[in-house]
Amino acid sequence: MSGAQDGQSQLIAAAVAAGSAALGRELSEPAKLTGSERSVVVRCADKDVGTVVVKTYPRDGDGTTSFALEAAGLAVSAGTGLAPRLLAASCEDLTVVMSDLGSGRSLADMLLGDSAVKARQALLDWAKACGELSAATTPRAQEFETLKSRYLAGRMEVSWVERIGRSVLEAGDRLARLTADRPGGMDAVTIPPGLPAELDRVADAIFAHPFPVLSPGDICPDNNLITGAGVQFLDFESATVYSAFLDAAYLRMPFSTCWCVFRLPADLAAVAESVYRDQVTRIHPELADDAIWLPGVRRAVATWTLWTMSWLLPRVLAGDEPMAPGFVSPRRRQLLRHRWQVLAAELDGAGDLPAVAELCRRLVSATERWQAAELPLYPAFRSQAG
C-alpha cells in the first residue's frame, strides 16, 4: 500500500471511530464518498438504521468552523425535508453523523447531461428548494447562532463572509500589484477613479447583510441530491446568515462559487430567479419591489465577481488550466473573462457602480491576448441553441 493510500485508510478509520463514538454504537463497512479536500466523508453501515454518513474535519481554524457551521445548519434544517437529518455531533472529534440520502444525480449532473427538459426542471426545482430552505430556517437564525457557538466550544470562528468582504475592499490594490509587471499575457490595468468608494459600498452590503437569510452558503449545483422527495442540500459547512441577494446571484451569474460553470439560457435563468424570489419574499415581502431587488442582486454579482478574481486571477496568470481537470468544466481564463463581462453588462444597463463597470471593461480589454473562447451554454442546452 502506498503512503497516500495508507494515509487515506487511517483517515477513514478515524472517521468511523469518531462517528461510532458520537452515535453511541459501532459503525462498520465504510465507503469513502466524494467530498472536498476540507473533510473526510464516508458512508457506514449502522445496525439500527441501515446506513449513515459520517463527516470529519481537519483540526485547524477552518475545520473547526466548518464543523460548527455544518452541525448547526443541519440541526436547524430538521423537519424541512430539504436536507439530511443530524444524528450526532462531536465537538471533540469535529465529526457529524447524518442520515444517508442514498445515491443519485445532482443539479450539476442534469446541467452537464443531454436532456434540456430534465435540466430545466431540475434547475427550477433547485431554485424553489433553495428559497424554501431559507424561508423555513431563517426564523430559526438565532437558534443557529446559539448552536454554532456551542459547537465552536470556545474556539474562534473563521468567518468566510468576512473574508469575502475584505477581498472586495482590497480588490483594487491587489489587482494593481498583480498586473504591474504584465504577467501571463495580460496588459497592465489602471484603476478607475472612484473605485475605492464603490468597493466600500459593495462591502458595506456584505457586512450589513440586508434581508438576511439562513443559507447552506455553498449552494453550487453539485452540493445537492435529486431524490424522490425532491431536491435536498448536502453541504452545510459554509452555512451562514447573509443577504438573500448573495444566493439570488447564483442564478444571475450563474453559480457564483462553482467549478462547473457554463451559461444558462437567459429566459430560464430569469424564471429560476423569479422562483427563488417568490420563496424569500415570504420572509421579506419588501423583496417583491424591483427597486430593492434589482440593485441588491447587482451588488451581489459584484461581490462574487470581485471575490472570484481575488483567488482565481493569480492562478490564471500562472497558467490556463481547466477549473476541474478531469471533469467537464470551463478553463480558468474563459470563466474569469465571462465573470467580468457579465458584471459590466449588469452595471452598465442600470448605470450602477460605474467605476466597477469600467474596471471590468479594462480587465476584458487587458486580456484580449488570452484568446479565451466565449463561455458556452451548459451541455444540456447546447443542442437547443443549435
Protein backbone atom coordinates (compact mmCIF):
# COMPACT_ATOMS: atom_id res chain seq x y z
CA MET A 1 0.00 0.00 0.00
CA SER A 2 1.37 3.45 -0.91
CA GLY A 3 1.87 6.18 1.65
CA ALA A 4 -1.09 8.13 0.26
CA GLN A 5 -3.36 5.09 0.39
CA ASP A 6 -2.23 4.29 3.91
CA GLY A 7 -2.96 7.87 4.92
CA GLN A 8 -6.45 7.66 3.46
CA SER A 9 -7.11 4.40 5.25
CA GLN A 10 -6.11 5.99 8.53
CA LEU A 11 -8.37 8.98 7.94
CA ILE A 12 -11.31 6.72 7.11
CA ALA A 13 -10.68 4.54 10.16
CA ALA A 14 -10.51 7.64 12.35
CA ALA A 15 -13.80 8.91 10.86
CA VAL A 16 -15.55 5.60 11.56
CA ALA A 17 -14.26 5.55 15.14
CA ALA A 18 -15.34 9.15 15.73
CA GLY A 19 -18.76 8.55 14.17
CA SER A 20 -19.28 5.44 16.28
CA ALA A 21 -18.37 7.32 19.46
CA ALA A 22 -20.65 10.25 18.61
CA LEU A 23 -23.57 7.98 17.76
CA GLY A 24 -23.03 5.63 20.68
CA ARG A 25 -22.96 2.44 18.62
CA GLU A 26 -20.50 0.74 16.34
CA LEU A 27 -20.44 1.64 12.65
CA SER A 28 -18.84 -0.61 10.03
CA GLU A 29 -18.21 -1.19 6.31
CA PRO A 30 -17.03 2.34 5.47
CA ALA A 31 -17.15 3.51 1.86
CA LYS A 32 -15.49 6.84 1.06
CA LEU A 33 -17.76 9.35 -0.66
CA THR A 34 -16.78 12.26 -2.85
CA GLY A 35 -16.07 15.32 -0.77
CA SER A 36 -13.86 18.37 -0.64
CA GLU A 37 -10.25 18.48 0.50
CA ARG A 38 -11.55 20.10 3.67
CA SER A 39 -13.26 16.99 5.04
CA VAL A 40 -13.46 13.19 5.01
CA VAL A 41 -16.90 11.79 4.14
CA VAL A 42 -17.78 8.10 4.48
CA ARG A 43 -20.94 6.03 4.26
CA CYS A 44 -21.12 3.42 7.02
CA ALA A 45 -23.34 0.51 7.88
CA ASP A 46 -25.42 1.10 11.02
CA LYS A 47 -27.29 -1.82 12.58
CA ASP A 48 -30.12 0.49 13.72
CA VAL A 49 -30.93 2.48 10.58
CA GLY A 50 -29.13 0.71 7.72
CA THR A 51 -26.54 3.29 6.68
CA VAL A 52 -25.41 6.72 7.82
CA VAL A 53 -22.94 9.31 6.54
CA VAL A 54 -20.03 10.41 8.73
CA LYS A 55 -18.14 13.63 8.02
CA THR A 56 -14.98 14.74 9.83
CA TYR A 57 -12.97 17.95 9.55
CA PRO A 58 -9.29 18.85 9.98
CA ARG A 59 -8.15 20.18 13.34
CA ASP A 60 -7.45 23.75 12.28
CA GLY A 61 -9.36 27.02 12.31
CA ASP A 62 -11.16 26.33 9.06
CA GLY A 63 -12.00 22.77 10.12
CA THR A 64 -13.37 23.85 13.48
CA THR A 65 -15.55 26.48 11.83
CA SER A 66 -16.76 24.11 9.10
CA PHE A 67 -17.76 21.53 11.71
CA ALA A 68 -19.69 24.06 13.79
CA LEU A 69 -21.48 25.53 10.78
CA GLU A 70 -22.40 22.10 9.39
CA ALA A 71 -23.71 20.77 12.68
CA ALA A 72 -25.72 23.91 13.43
CA GLY A 73 -27.01 24.19 9.86
CA LEU A 74 -28.20 20.59 9.77
CA ALA A 75 -29.79 20.93 13.21
CA VAL A 76 -31.97 23.91 12.27
CA SER A 77 -32.87 22.31 8.92
CA ALA A 78 -34.56 19.45 10.78
CA GLY A 79 -38.10 18.87 9.61
CA THR A 80 -37.77 20.78 6.35
CA GLY A 81 -37.34 17.65 4.20
CA LEU A 82 -34.67 19.59 2.30
CA ALA A 83 -31.51 18.27 3.98
CA PRO A 84 -30.14 15.23 5.79
CA ARG A 85 -31.04 14.80 9.46
CA LEU A 86 -28.32 15.46 12.01
CA LEU A 87 -27.99 12.26 14.07
CA ALA A 88 -24.98 13.13 16.23
CA ALA A 89 -22.14 15.63 16.52
CA SER A 90 -18.85 15.55 18.43
CA CYS A 91 -17.09 18.81 19.28
CA GLU A 92 -14.08 16.82 20.48
CA ASP A 93 -13.60 14.91 17.22
CA LEU A 94 -15.04 17.57 14.86
CA THR A 95 -17.41 14.95 13.46
CA VAL A 96 -21.04 14.92 12.37
CA VAL A 97 -23.20 11.90 11.66
CA MET A 98 -26.17 12.46 9.38
CA SER A 99 -28.88 10.44 7.72
CA ASP A 100 -27.96 8.85 4.40
CA LEU A 101 -29.95 10.18 1.45
CA GLY A 102 -28.57 7.45 -0.80
CA SER A 103 -27.10 7.91 -4.25
CA GLY A 104 -28.49 9.86 -7.15
CA ARG A 105 -27.96 12.74 -9.51
CA SER A 106 -27.36 16.36 -8.61
CA LEU A 107 -28.34 19.54 -10.42
CA ALA A 108 -24.80 19.61 -11.82
CA ASP A 109 -25.30 16.17 -13.32
CA MET A 110 -28.50 17.33 -15.02
CA LEU A 111 -26.97 20.53 -16.40
CA LEU A 112 -23.95 18.62 -17.70
CA GLY A 113 -26.19 15.92 -19.19
CA ASP A 114 -28.02 15.70 -22.51
CA SER A 115 -31.67 16.47 -21.66
CA ALA A 116 -32.74 20.11 -21.79
CA VAL A 117 -36.17 19.24 -20.43
CA LYS A 118 -34.79 17.43 -17.39
CA ALA A 119 -32.14 20.09 -16.78
CA ARG A 120 -34.72 22.88 -16.93
CA GLN A 121 -36.99 21.15 -14.44
CA ALA A 122 -34.09 20.34 -12.13
CA LEU A 123 -32.97 23.98 -12.11
CA LEU A 124 -36.46 25.26 -11.30
CA ASP A 125 -36.88 22.64 -8.57
CA TRP A 126 -33.49 23.60 -7.16
CA ALA A 127 -34.33 27.33 -7.15
CA LYS A 128 -37.61 26.67 -5.35
CA ALA A 129 -35.99 24.33 -2.81
CA CYS A 130 -33.21 26.82 -2.13
CA GLY A 131 -35.74 29.54 -1.36
CA GLU A 132 -37.93 27.16 0.64
CA LEU A 133 -35.00 26.10 2.80
CA SER A 134 -34.16 29.69 3.69
CA ALA A 135 -37.81 30.57 4.26
CA ALA A 136 -38.11 27.64 6.67
CA THR A 137 -34.83 28.10 8.56
CA THR A 138 -34.34 31.88 8.71
CA PRO A 139 -36.87 32.22 11.56
CA ARG A 140 -34.51 29.91 13.48
CA ALA A 141 -31.45 32.09 12.82
CA GLN A 142 -30.90 32.87 16.49
CA GLU A 143 -31.04 29.16 17.31
CA PHE A 144 -28.45 28.59 14.58
CA GLU A 145 -26.14 31.18 16.15
CA THR A 146 -26.57 29.63 19.61
CA LEU A 147 -25.82 26.15 18.30
CA LYS A 148 -22.85 27.40 16.31
CA SER A 149 -21.34 28.90 19.47
CA ARG A 150 -21.95 25.65 21.32
CA TYR A 151 -20.25 23.60 18.62
CA LEU A 152 -17.33 26.02 18.43
CA ALA A 153 -16.84 25.25 22.13
CA GLY A 154 -14.93 28.45 22.81
CA ARG A 155 -12.79 28.23 19.68
CA MET A 156 -12.62 31.17 17.30
CA GLU A 157 -14.82 31.21 14.19
CA VAL A 158 -13.06 31.80 10.87
CA SER A 159 -15.70 33.82 9.03
CA TRP A 160 -15.61 33.25 5.28
CA VAL A 161 -18.15 36.06 4.79
CA GLU A 162 -15.68 38.48 6.38
CA ARG A 163 -13.00 37.12 4.06
CA ILE A 164 -15.20 37.92 1.08
CA GLY A 165 -15.78 41.43 2.40
CA ARG A 166 -12.07 42.04 2.82
CA SER A 167 -11.35 40.69 -0.66
CA VAL A 168 -13.80 43.23 -2.10
CA LEU A 169 -12.21 46.11 -0.21
CA GLU A 170 -8.73 45.06 -1.35
CA ALA A 171 -9.64 44.27 -4.97
CA GLY A 172 -8.14 47.41 -6.50
CA ASP A 173 -4.83 47.27 -4.63
CA ARG A 174 -4.44 43.54 -5.25
CA LEU A 175 -5.13 43.94 -8.96
CA ALA A 176 -2.61 46.75 -9.30
CA ARG A 177 0.09 44.61 -7.69
CA LEU A 178 -0.71 41.52 -9.75
CA THR A 179 -0.68 43.27 -13.12
CA ALA A 180 2.15 45.75 -12.59
CA ASP A 181 4.63 43.58 -14.50
CA ARG A 182 2.13 42.46 -17.16
CA PRO A 183 2.33 38.75 -16.33
CA GLY A 184 0.59 35.87 -18.04
CA GLY A 185 -0.13 37.65 -21.33
CA MET A 186 -2.13 40.33 -19.52
CA ASP A 187 -1.65 44.06 -20.05
CA ALA A 188 -1.37 46.40 -17.09
CA VAL A 189 -4.69 47.65 -15.72
CA THR A 190 -5.09 51.17 -14.34
CA ILE A 191 -7.58 51.61 -11.52
CA PRO A 192 -10.55 53.84 -12.43
CA PRO A 193 -11.14 56.95 -10.31
CA GLY A 194 -13.80 56.43 -7.70
CA LEU A 195 -13.25 52.68 -7.37
CA PRO A 196 -12.33 52.63 -3.64
CA ALA A 197 -15.54 54.41 -2.69
CA GLU A 198 -17.64 51.99 -4.73
CA LEU A 199 -15.85 49.00 -3.23
CA ASP A 200 -16.69 50.39 0.21
CA ARG A 201 -20.37 50.47 -0.77
CA VAL A 202 -20.31 46.89 -2.02
CA ALA A 203 -18.50 45.69 1.12
CA ASP A 204 -20.95 47.55 3.37
CA ALA A 205 -23.77 45.48 1.87
CA ILE A 206 -21.87 42.28 2.67
CA PHE A 207 -21.25 43.16 6.30
CA ALA A 208 -24.73 44.59 6.88
CA HIS A 209 -26.41 41.65 5.05
CA PRO A 210 -29.71 43.37 4.23
CA PHE A 211 -32.68 41.00 4.02
CA PRO A 212 -30.87 38.19 5.83
CA VAL A 213 -31.49 34.53 5.13
CA LEU A 214 -30.02 31.41 6.65
CA SER A 215 -28.34 29.61 3.77
CA PRO A 216 -26.15 26.50 3.34
CA GLY A 217 -23.66 29.03 1.96
CA ASP A 218 -22.07 26.92 -0.76
CA ILE A 219 -25.09 26.15 -2.95
CA CYS A 220 -23.15 25.01 -6.01
CA PRO A 221 -25.12 22.69 -8.29
CA ASP A 222 -23.14 19.64 -7.15
CA ASN A 223 -23.93 20.15 -3.44
CA ASN A 224 -27.37 18.59 -3.59
CA LEU A 225 -29.15 15.37 -4.41
CA ILE A 226 -32.30 14.99 -6.51
CA THR A 227 -34.36 12.40 -4.65
CA GLY A 228 -37.88 11.03 -4.86
CA ALA A 229 -38.79 13.61 -2.22
CA GLY A 230 -37.29 16.45 -4.25
CA VAL A 231 -34.04 18.43 -4.10
CA GLN A 232 -32.07 18.07 -0.88
CA PHE A 233 -28.99 20.09 0.04
CA LEU A 234 -25.92 18.21 1.23
CA ASP A 235 -23.13 20.62 2.20
CA PHE A 236 -23.66 22.91 5.21
CA GLU A 237 -20.04 23.52 6.17
CA SER A 238 -20.40 27.13 4.97
CA ALA A 239 -23.88 27.64 6.45
CA THR A 240 -24.39 31.25 7.46
CA VAL A 241 -26.79 34.13 7.80
CA TYR A 242 -26.21 36.59 4.98
CA SER A 243 -28.11 38.60 2.40
CA ALA A 244 -30.68 36.82 0.23
CA PHE A 245 -29.13 38.66 -2.70
CA LEU A 246 -25.97 36.55 -2.42
CA ASP A 247 -27.97 33.37 -3.07
CA ALA A 248 -30.04 35.02 -5.81
CA ALA A 249 -26.84 35.93 -7.64
CA TYR A 250 -26.14 32.22 -8.13
CA LEU A 251 -28.89 32.22 -10.74
CA ARG A 252 -27.89 35.52 -12.33
CA MET A 253 -24.17 34.81 -12.86
CA PRO A 254 -24.70 31.74 -12.70
CA PHE A 255 -23.35 29.70 -9.75
CA SER A 256 -21.02 32.12 -8.09
CA THR A 257 -18.55 29.69 -6.50
CA CYS A 258 -18.71 26.53 -8.59
CA TRP A 259 -16.22 24.68 -10.79
CA CYS A 260 -18.78 23.52 -13.40
CA VAL A 261 -19.90 26.94 -14.59
CA PHE A 262 -21.38 27.39 -18.05
CA ARG A 263 -24.09 29.72 -19.28
CA LEU A 264 -27.80 29.22 -18.69
CA PRO A 265 -30.35 30.24 -21.33
CA ALA A 266 -31.25 33.81 -20.35
CA ASP A 267 -35.00 33.16 -20.21
CA LEU A 268 -34.53 30.11 -17.99
CA ALA A 269 -32.20 31.95 -15.61
CA ALA A 270 -34.79 34.73 -15.25
CA VAL A 271 -37.58 32.26 -14.48
CA ALA A 272 -35.43 30.41 -11.94
CA GLU A 273 -34.51 33.68 -10.22
CA SER A 274 -38.20 34.54 -10.03
CA VAL A 275 -38.96 31.14 -8.48
CA TYR A 276 -36.33 31.72 -5.79
CA ARG A 277 -37.54 35.27 -5.23
CA ASP A 278 -41.13 34.09 -4.69
CA GLN A 279 -39.95 31.96 -1.77
CA VAL A 280 -37.80 34.54 0.02
CA THR A 281 -40.49 37.21 -0.24
CA ARG A 282 -42.40 35.03 2.25
CA ILE A 283 -39.96 36.21 4.93
CA HIS A 284 -39.01 39.56 3.35
CA PRO A 285 -42.07 40.96 1.49
CA GLU A 286 -40.07 44.06 0.51
CA LEU A 287 -38.12 41.94 -1.96
CA ALA A 288 -41.14 41.95 -4.27
CA ASP A 289 -40.18 45.57 -5.07
CA ASP A 290 -37.88 45.76 -8.12
CA ALA A 291 -36.38 48.97 -6.75
CA ILE A 292 -34.97 46.87 -3.90
CA TRP A 293 -34.41 43.52 -5.61
CA LEU A 294 -32.58 44.55 -8.77
CA PRO A 295 -29.83 46.72 -7.24
CA GLY A 296 -29.41 44.19 -4.44
CA VAL A 297 -28.74 41.34 -6.87
CA ARG A 298 -26.40 43.55 -8.95
CA ARG A 299 -24.30 44.32 -5.86
CA ALA A 300 -24.24 40.62 -5.02
CA VAL A 301 -22.97 39.81 -8.53
CA ALA A 302 -20.26 42.42 -7.97
CA THR A 303 -19.38 40.82 -4.63
CA TRP A 304 -18.96 37.32 -6.02
CA THR A 305 -17.11 38.53 -9.13
CA LEU A 306 -14.57 40.53 -7.14
CA TRP A 307 -14.11 37.68 -4.70
CA THR A 308 -13.60 35.18 -7.55
CA MET A 309 -10.99 37.48 -9.03
CA SER A 310 -9.11 37.60 -5.72
CA TRP A 311 -8.26 33.89 -5.78
CA LEU A 312 -8.62 32.93 -9.45
CA LEU A 313 -6.62 35.69 -11.14
CA PRO A 314 -3.26 34.69 -9.56
CA ARG A 315 -3.84 31.12 -10.78
CA VAL A 316 -4.86 32.33 -14.23
CA LEU A 317 -1.68 34.37 -14.57
CA ALA A 318 0.30 31.24 -13.80
CA GLY A 319 -1.48 29.11 -16.41
CA ASP A 320 -4.80 28.46 -18.10
CA GLU A 321 -5.93 25.15 -16.62
CA PRO A 322 -9.47 23.74 -16.58
CA MET A 323 -11.39 24.68 -13.44
CA ALA A 324 -11.72 20.98 -12.61
CA PRO A 325 -9.22 18.82 -14.54
CA GLY A 326 -10.75 15.51 -15.49
CA PHE A 327 -14.32 16.85 -15.40
CA VAL A 328 -16.48 18.87 -17.78
CA SER A 329 -15.60 22.41 -16.77
CA PRO A 330 -14.52 25.71 -18.33
CA ARG A 331 -10.97 26.94 -18.42
CA ARG A 332 -9.88 29.49 -15.85
CA ARG A 333 -9.37 32.38 -18.28
CA GLN A 334 -12.64 31.63 -20.00
CA LEU A 335 -14.57 31.80 -16.73
CA LEU A 336 -12.85 34.90 -15.40
CA ARG A 337 -13.48 36.91 -18.56
CA HIS A 338 -17.10 35.76 -18.54
CA ARG A 339 -17.49 36.99 -14.96
CA TRP A 340 -16.14 40.42 -15.90
CA GLN A 341 -18.35 40.67 -18.97
CA VAL A 342 -21.49 39.69 -17.06
CA LEU A 343 -20.83 42.19 -14.29
CA ALA A 344 -20.04 45.03 -16.70
CA ALA A 345 -23.29 44.37 -18.59
CA GLU A 346 -25.31 44.24 -15.35
CA LEU A 347 -23.90 47.53 -14.09
CA ASP A 348 -23.87 49.41 -17.41
CA GLY A 349 -27.51 48.52 -18.05
CA ALA A 350 -28.53 50.15 -14.77
CA GLY A 351 -25.93 52.94 -14.55
CA ASP A 352 -24.79 51.44 -11.25
CA LEU A 353 -21.24 51.36 -9.82
CA PRO A 354 -19.66 52.99 -12.89
CA ALA A 355 -16.08 52.62 -11.64
CA VAL A 356 -16.55 48.87 -11.04
CA ALA A 357 -18.08 48.55 -14.51
CA GLU A 358 -15.15 50.44 -16.03
CA LEU A 359 -12.70 48.19 -14.18
CA CYS A 360 -14.38 45.14 -15.71
CA ARG A 361 -14.17 46.62 -19.19
CA ARG A 362 -10.49 47.39 -18.69
CA LEU A 363 -9.87 43.84 -17.50
CA VAL A 364 -11.58 42.39 -20.55
CA SER A 365 -9.52 44.66 -22.80
CA ALA A 366 -6.28 43.81 -20.98
CA THR A 367 -6.84 40.09 -21.53
CA GLU A 368 -7.71 40.08 -25.23
CA ARG A 369 -4.42 38.30 -25.95
CA TRP A 370 -5.63 35.33 -23.93
CA GLN A 371 -7.91 34.49 -26.87
CA ALA A 372 -10.25 32.73 -24.45
CA ALA A 373 -13.35 31.32 -26.10
CA GLU A 374 -16.77 32.57 -25.11
CA LEU A 375 -18.27 30.55 -22.28
CA PRO A 376 -20.77 28.13 -23.89
CA LEU A 377 -24.14 27.04 -22.62
CA TYR A 378 -24.41 24.09 -20.27
CA PRO A 379 -24.20 20.87 -22.32
CA ALA A 380 -27.88 20.06 -21.70
CA PHE A 381 -28.93 23.19 -23.64
CA ARG A 382 -26.41 23.20 -26.50
CA SER A 383 -28.44 21.18 -28.98
CA GLN A 384 -31.39 23.55 -28.42
CA ALA A 385 -29.19 26.52 -29.20
CA GLY A 386 -28.15 24.91 -32.47
